[in-house]
Amino acid sequence: MFLALGIIIFIIGCCMSSYEDNTYNAQRREEQRHRELMRALEECRNSPPAPRRKKQVRRRFAQDKNGNILGEEITEEELED
């Protein structure tokens, strides 16, 4: 009886220890990811801003006497400094 109770308490203790280890490791990984993200964010703040892109779209449509529609779309992208 006491032996069975001791084995059950031992198993519960092992499970609790394993849970605490897993929780601790997960917390350490979360802190590490947070530090990496903060480092990346700081690098982005210190780097010069990327040049902006300007996008211009022109559309032309023509309709003939039979009702047919012909269209043209021109997209131009250029970098602004």
C-alpha atoms as a PDB file:
ATOM      1  CA  MET A   1       0.000   0.000   0.000  1.00  0.00           C
ATOM      2  CA  PHE A   2       2.735   2.426   1.040  1.00  0.00           C
ATOM      3  CA  LEU A   3       4.855   1.310  -1.875  1.00  0.00           C
ATOM      4  CA  ALA A   4       2.047   2.049  -4.369  1.00  0.00           C
ATOM      5  CA  LEU A   5       1.430   5.443  -2.735  1.00  0.00           C
ATOM      6  CA  GLY A   6       5.173   6.198  -2.917  1.00  0.00           C
ATOM      7  CA  ILE A   7       5.312   5.244  -6.612  1.00  0.00           C
ATOM      8  CA  ILE A   8       2.293   7.453  -7.407  1.00  0.00           C
ATOM      9  CA  ILE A   9       3.825  10.412  -5.548  1.00  0.00           C
ATOM     10  CA  PHE A  10       7.132   9.825  -7.375  1.00  0.00           C
ATOM     11  CA  ILE A  11       5.398   9.786 -10.782  1.00  0.00           C
ATOM     12  CA  ILE A  12       3.455  12.963  -9.955  1.00  0.00           C
ATOM     13  CA  GLY A  13       6.701  14.611  -8.831  1.00  0.00           C
ATOM     14  CA  CYS A  14       8.421  13.645 -12.085  1.00  0.00           C
ATOM     15  CA  CYS A  15       5.527  15.047 -14.117  1.00  0.00           C
ATOM     16  CA  MET A  16       5.588  18.319 -12.165  1.00  0.00           C
ATOM     17  CA  SER A  17       9.357  18.596 -12.631  1.00  0.00           C
ATOM     18  CA  SER A  18       9.043  17.939 -16.360  1.00  0.00           C
ATOM     19  CA  TYR A  19       6.284  20.558 -16.653  1.00  0.00           C
ATOM     20  CA  GLU A  20       8.418  23.135 -14.828  1.00  0.00           C
ATOM     21  CA  ASP A  21      11.393  22.384 -17.084  1.00  0.00           C
ATOM     22  CA  ASN A  22       9.266  22.749 -20.212  1.00  0.00           C
ATOM     23  CA  THR A  23       7.761  26.008 -18.943  1.00  0.00           C
ATOM     24  CA  TYR A  24      11.210  27.377 -18.077  1.00  0.00           C
ATOM     25  CA  ASN A  25      12.609  26.437 -21.507  1.00  0.00           C
ATOM     26  CA  ALA A  26       9.619  27.982 -23.291  1.00  0.00           C
ATOM     27  CA  GLN A  27      10.069  31.195 -21.325  1.00  0.00           C
ATOM     28  CA  ARG A  28      13.780  31.316 -22.196  1.00  0.00           C
ATOM     29  CA  ARG A  29      13.010  30.826 -25.907  1.00  0.00           C
ATOM     30  CA  GLU A  30      10.390  33.570 -25.735  1.00  0.00           C
ATOM     31  CA  GLU A  31      12.862  35.984 -24.145  1.00  0.00           C
ATOM     32  CA  GLN A  32      15.478  35.098 -26.777  1.00  0.00           C
ATOM     33  CA  ARG A  33      13.001  35.746 -29.626  1.00  0.00           C
ATOM     34  CA  HIS A  34      12.041  39.046 -28.020  1.00  0.00           C
ATOM     35  CA  ARG A  35      15.699  40.129 -27.816  1.00  0.00           C
ATOM     36  CA  GLU A  36      16.243  39.157 -31.468  1.00  0.00           C
ATOM     37  CA  LEU A  37      13.178  41.112 -32.573  1.00  0.00           C
ATOM     38  CA  MET A  38      14.208  44.161 -30.557  1.00  0.00           C
ATOM     39  CA  ARG A  39      17.715  43.984 -32.075  1.00  0.00           C
ATOM     40  CA  ALA A  40      16.251  43.782 -35.583  1.00  0.00           C
ATOM     41  CA  LEU A  41      13.922  46.688 -34.845  1.00  0.00           C
ATOM     42  CA  GLU A  42      16.816  48.783 -33.559  1.00  0.00           C
ATOM     43  CA  GLU A  43      18.818  48.014 -36.721  1.00  0.00           C
ATOM     44  CA  CYS A  44      15.872  49.105 -38.855  1.00  0.00           C
ATOM     45  CA  ARG A  45      15.602  52.372 -36.939  1.00  0.00           C
ATOM     46  CA  ASN A  46      19.289  53.124 -37.422  1.00  0.00           C
ATOM     47  CA  SER A  47      19.383  52.322 -41.132  1.00  0.00           C
ATOM     48  CA  PRO A  48      18.501  54.994 -43.675  1.00  0.00           C
ATOM     49  CA  PRO A  49      14.962  54.846 -44.997  1.00  0.00           C
ATOM     50  CA  ALA A  50      14.362  52.954 -48.194  1.00  0.00           C
ATOM     51  CA  PRO A  51      13.712  55.032 -51.305  1.00  0.00           C
ATOM     52  CA  ARG A  52      10.060  55.490 -52.059  1.00  0.00           C
ATOM     53  CA  ARG A  53       8.494  54.072 -55.147  1.00  0.00           C
ATOM     54  CA  LYS A  54       6.176  56.089 -57.270  1.00  0.00           C
ATOM     55  CA  LYS A  55       3.626  54.200 -59.301  1.00  0.00           C
ATOM     56  CA  GLN A  56       1.677  55.865 -62.078  1.00  0.00           C
ATOM     57  CA  VAL A  57      -1.087  54.138 -64.009  1.00  0.00           C
ATOM     58  CA  ARG A  58      -2.545  55.508 -67.249  1.00  0.00           C
ATOM     59  CA  ARG A  59      -5.560  53.969 -68.928  1.00  0.00           C
ATOM     60  CA  ARG A  60      -6.983  54.701 -72.359  1.00  0.00           C
ATOM     61  CA  PHE A  61     -10.133  53.241 -73.844  1.00  0.00           C
ATOM     62  CA  ALA A  62     -11.559  53.577 -77.321  1.00  0.00           C
ATOM     63  CA  GLN A  63     -14.900  52.451 -78.690  1.00  0.00           C
ATOM     64  CA  ASP A  64     -15.625  51.953 -82.354  1.00  0.00           C
ATOM     65  CA  LYS A  65     -18.926  52.431 -84.170  1.00  0.00           C
ATOM     66  CA  ASN A  66     -19.867  48.750 -83.646  1.00  0.00           C
ATOM     67  CA  GLY A  67     -19.588  49.086 -79.842  1.00  0.00           C
ATOM     68  CA  ASN A  68     -16.304  47.202 -79.461  1.00  0.00           C
ATOM     69  CA  ILE A  69     -14.095  48.522 -76.685  1.00  0.00           C
ATOM     70  CA  LEU A  70     -10.325  48.560 -76.920  1.00  0.00           C
ATOM     71  CA  GLY A  71      -8.330  49.400 -73.791  1.00  0.00           C
ATOM     72  CA  GLU A  72      -4.742  50.080 -72.888  1.00  0.00           C
ATOM     73  CA  GLU A  73      -3.182  50.326 -69.434  1.00  0.00           C
ATOM     74  CA  ILE A  74       0.335  51.604 -68.859  1.00  0.00           C
ATOM     75  CA  THR A  75       1.935  51.215 -65.439  1.00  0.00           C
ATOM     76  CA  GLU A  76       5.156  53.113 -64.689  1.00  0.00           C
ATOM     77  CA  GLU A  77       7.154  52.650 -61.514  1.00  0.00           C
ATOM     78  CA  GLU A  78      10.079  54.823 -60.553  1.00  0.00           C
ATOM     79  CA  LEU A  79      12.156  55.387 -57.426  1.00  0.00           C
ATOM     80  CA  GLU A  80      12.066  58.740 -55.687  1.00  0.00           C
ATOM     81  CA  ASP A  81      15.078  59.941 -53.717  1.00  0.00           C
END
